[in-house]
Amino acid sequence: MPRPIRKTKAASKRSASRSRGEGVWVTSMLLRDIDPEVARVLRTRAERSGRSLQQELHAALRRDARRNFDEAAALSAAWRERLRGREIPDVTDLIREDRSR
């Protein structure tokens, strides 16, 4: 497998281009060693939403970048409220049994 070409500082600066309005920098990124299961989930999500994998990755990154700790805490509280009163079984014994196989 060919080795990737390493960019110089000058080439890296050139790869970031201005786009979508004044003062907004758009940067390209390369991700390596993606877990196959994560890639599968992202491809499936993209197909279900009628987007390309790249569009799905953009959406996921935008969604994650907007979420801060307070939003995550509020989301967690909403789920706790939604699940309140449901009997959720303790699966500790099942996990231990599965691990001992």
C-alpha atoms as a PDB file:
ATOM      1  CA  MET A   1       0.000   0.000   0.000  1.00  0.00           C
ATOM      2  CA  PRO A   2       1.497   3.382  -0.943  1.00  0.00           C
ATOM      3  CA  ARG A   3       2.466   5.716   1.851  1.00  0.00           C
ATOM      4  CA  PRO A   4       0.447   8.926   2.122  1.00  0.00           C
ATOM      5  CA  ILE A   5       2.107  12.128   0.992  1.00  0.00           C
ATOM      6  CA  ARG A   6       2.991  14.380   3.908  1.00  0.00           C
ATOM      7  CA  LYS A   7       2.079  18.019   3.472  1.00  0.00           C
ATOM      8  CA  THR A   8       4.454  20.827   4.239  1.00  0.00           C
ATOM      9  CA  LYS A   9       3.285  23.769   6.337  1.00  0.00           C
ATOM     10  CA  ALA A  10       2.829  25.807   3.166  1.00  0.00           C
ATOM     11  CA  ALA A  11       0.748  23.068   1.523  1.00  0.00           C
ATOM     12  CA  SER A  12      -1.353  22.699   4.660  1.00  0.00           C
ATOM     13  CA  LYS A  13      -2.068  26.425   4.666  1.00  0.00           C
ATOM     14  CA  ARG A  14      -3.085  26.250   1.006  1.00  0.00           C
ATOM     15  CA  SER A  15      -5.465  23.322   1.678  1.00  0.00           C
ATOM     16  CA  ALA A  16      -7.582  25.484   3.990  1.00  0.00           C
ATOM     17  CA  SER A  17      -9.706  27.630   1.735  1.00  0.00           C
ATOM     18  CA  ARG A  18     -12.131  30.456   2.304  1.00  0.00           C
ATOM     19  CA  SER A  19     -15.670  29.536   1.463  1.00  0.00           C
ATOM     20  CA  ARG A  20     -19.290  30.292   2.335  1.00  0.00           C
ATOM     21  CA  GLY A  21     -18.873  33.947   3.213  1.00  0.00           C
ATOM     22  CA  GLU A  22     -16.281  36.338   4.475  1.00  0.00           C
ATOM     23  CA  GLY A  23     -14.109  35.154   7.331  1.00  0.00           C
ATOM     24  CA  VAL A  24     -15.159  31.488   7.333  1.00  0.00           C
ATOM     25  CA  TRP A  25     -12.358  28.982   6.896  1.00  0.00           C
ATOM     26  CA  VAL A  26     -13.150  25.526   5.561  1.00  0.00           C
ATOM     27  CA  THR A  27     -10.610  22.842   6.364  1.00  0.00           C
ATOM     28  CA  SER A  28     -10.176  19.345   4.980  1.00  0.00           C
ATOM     29  CA  MET A  29      -9.467  16.515   7.394  1.00  0.00           C
ATOM     30  CA  LEU A  30      -8.331  12.936   6.949  1.00  0.00           C
ATOM     31  CA  LEU A  31      -9.376  10.261   9.439  1.00  0.00           C
ATOM     32  CA  ARG A  32      -7.499   6.988   9.593  1.00  0.00           C
ATOM     33  CA  ASP A  33      -8.153   3.693  11.355  1.00  0.00           C
ATOM     34  CA  ILE A  34     -11.926   4.123  11.644  1.00  0.00           C
ATOM     35  CA  ASP A  35     -13.518   1.264  13.550  1.00  0.00           C
ATOM     36  CA  PRO A  36     -15.358  -0.881  10.951  1.00  0.00           C
ATOM     37  CA  GLU A  37     -18.506  -0.944  13.085  1.00  0.00           C
ATOM     38  CA  VAL A  38     -18.520   2.852  13.358  1.00  0.00           C
ATOM     39  CA  ALA A  39     -18.088   3.126   9.581  1.00  0.00           C
ATOM     40  CA  ARG A  40     -20.952   0.667   9.036  1.00  0.00           C
ATOM     41  CA  VAL A  41     -23.265   2.620  11.345  1.00  0.00           C
ATOM     42  CA  LEU A  42     -22.403   5.905   9.613  1.00  0.00           C
ATOM     43  CA  ARG A  43     -22.950   4.430   6.133  1.00  0.00           C
ATOM     44  CA  THR A  44     -26.318   2.986   7.235  1.00  0.00           C
ATOM     45  CA  ARG A  45     -27.343   6.300   8.781  1.00  0.00           C
ATOM     46  CA  ALA A  46     -26.365   8.121   5.593  1.00  0.00           C
ATOM     47  CA  GLU A  47     -28.373   5.710   3.422  1.00  0.00           C
ATOM     48  CA  ARG A  48     -31.445   6.021   5.646  1.00  0.00           C
ATOM     49  CA  SER A  49     -31.325   9.814   5.515  1.00  0.00           C
ATOM     50  CA  GLY A  50     -30.679   9.935   1.761  1.00  0.00           C
ATOM     51  CA  ARG A  51     -27.268  11.544   2.168  1.00  0.00           C
ATOM     52  CA  SER A  52     -23.783  10.658   1.033  1.00  0.00           C
ATOM     53  CA  LEU A  53     -21.354   9.445   3.677  1.00  0.00           C
ATOM     54  CA  GLN A  54     -19.540  12.784   3.464  1.00  0.00           C
ATOM     55  CA  GLN A  55     -22.800  14.694   4.004  1.00  0.00           C
ATOM     56  CA  GLU A  56     -23.608  12.450   6.983  1.00  0.00           C
ATOM     57  CA  LEU A  57     -20.173  13.071   8.492  1.00  0.00           C
ATOM     58  CA  HIS A  58     -20.616  16.824   8.054  1.00  0.00           C
ATOM     59  CA  ALA A  59     -24.018  16.630   9.787  1.00  0.00           C
ATOM     60  CA  ALA A  60     -22.627  14.513  12.643  1.00  0.00           C
ATOM     61  CA  LEU A  61     -19.681  16.858  13.188  1.00  0.00           C
ATOM     62  CA  ARG A  62     -21.918  19.951  13.124  1.00  0.00           C
ATOM     63  CA  ARG A  63     -24.351  18.295  15.564  1.00  0.00           C
ATOM     64  CA  ASP A  64     -21.564  17.277  17.936  1.00  0.00           C
ATOM     65  CA  ALA A  65     -19.769  20.623  17.738  1.00  0.00           C
ATOM     66  CA  ARG A  66     -22.950  22.449  18.799  1.00  0.00           C
ATOM     67  CA  ARG A  67     -23.597  20.205  21.786  1.00  0.00           C
ATOM     68  CA  ASN A  68     -22.048  21.490  24.974  1.00  0.00           C
ATOM     69  CA  PHE A  69     -22.095  20.039  28.472  1.00  0.00           C
ATOM     70  CA  ASP A  70     -25.297  21.843  29.529  1.00  0.00           C
ATOM     71  CA  GLU A  71     -27.138  20.537  26.472  1.00  0.00           C
ATOM     72  CA  ALA A  72     -25.871  17.016  27.145  1.00  0.00           C
ATOM     73  CA  ALA A  73     -27.013  17.265  30.790  1.00  0.00           C
ATOM     74  CA  ALA A  74     -30.449  18.519  29.693  1.00  0.00           C
ATOM     75  CA  LEU A  75     -30.732  15.677  27.165  1.00  0.00           C
ATOM     76  CA  SER A  76     -29.765  13.167  29.850  1.00  0.00           C
ATOM     77  CA  ALA A  77     -32.352  14.606  32.263  1.00  0.00           C
ATOM     78  CA  ALA A  78     -35.022  14.405  29.558  1.00  0.00           C
ATOM     79  CA  TRP A  79     -34.266  10.720  28.981  1.00  0.00           C
ATOM     80  CA  ARG A  80     -34.310   9.987  32.724  1.00  0.00           C
ATOM     81  CA  GLU A  81     -37.736  11.635  32.909  1.00  0.00           C
ATOM     82  CA  ARG A  82     -38.954   9.734  29.860  1.00  0.00           C
ATOM     83  CA  LEU A  83     -37.843   6.407  31.366  1.00  0.00           C
ATOM     84  CA  ARG A  84     -39.109   7.170  34.882  1.00  0.00           C
ATOM     85  CA  GLY A  85     -41.339   4.420  36.224  1.00  0.00           C
ATOM     86  CA  ARG A  86     -40.118   1.771  33.808  1.00  0.00           C
ATOM     87  CA  GLU A  87     -38.652  -1.338  35.299  1.00  0.00           C
ATOM     88  CA  ILE A  88     -35.185  -1.694  33.863  1.00  0.00           C
ATOM     89  CA  PRO A  89     -33.645  -5.063  34.686  1.00  0.00           C
ATOM     90  CA  ASP A  90     -30.190  -5.373  36.206  1.00  0.00           C
ATOM     91  CA  VAL A  91     -28.137  -7.059  33.511  1.00  0.00           C
ATOM     92  CA  THR A  92     -24.939  -7.381  35.527  1.00  0.00           C
ATOM     93  CA  ASP A  93     -25.253 -11.166  35.883  1.00  0.00           C
ATOM     94  CA  LEU A  94     -25.919 -11.561  32.153  1.00  0.00           C
ATOM     95  CA  ILE A  95     -22.825  -9.510  31.301  1.00  0.00           C
ATOM     96  CA  ARG A  96     -20.652 -11.511  33.689  1.00  0.00           C
ATOM     97  CA  GLU A  97     -21.984 -14.763  32.246  1.00  0.00           C
ATOM     98  CA  ASP A  98     -21.268 -13.588  28.710  1.00  0.00           C
ATOM     99  CA  ARG A  99     -17.738 -12.489  29.618  1.00  0.00           C
ATOM    100  CA  SER A 100     -16.928 -15.833  31.205  1.00  0.00           C
ATOM    101  CA  ARG A 101     -17.545 -17.712  27.917  1.00  0.00           C
END
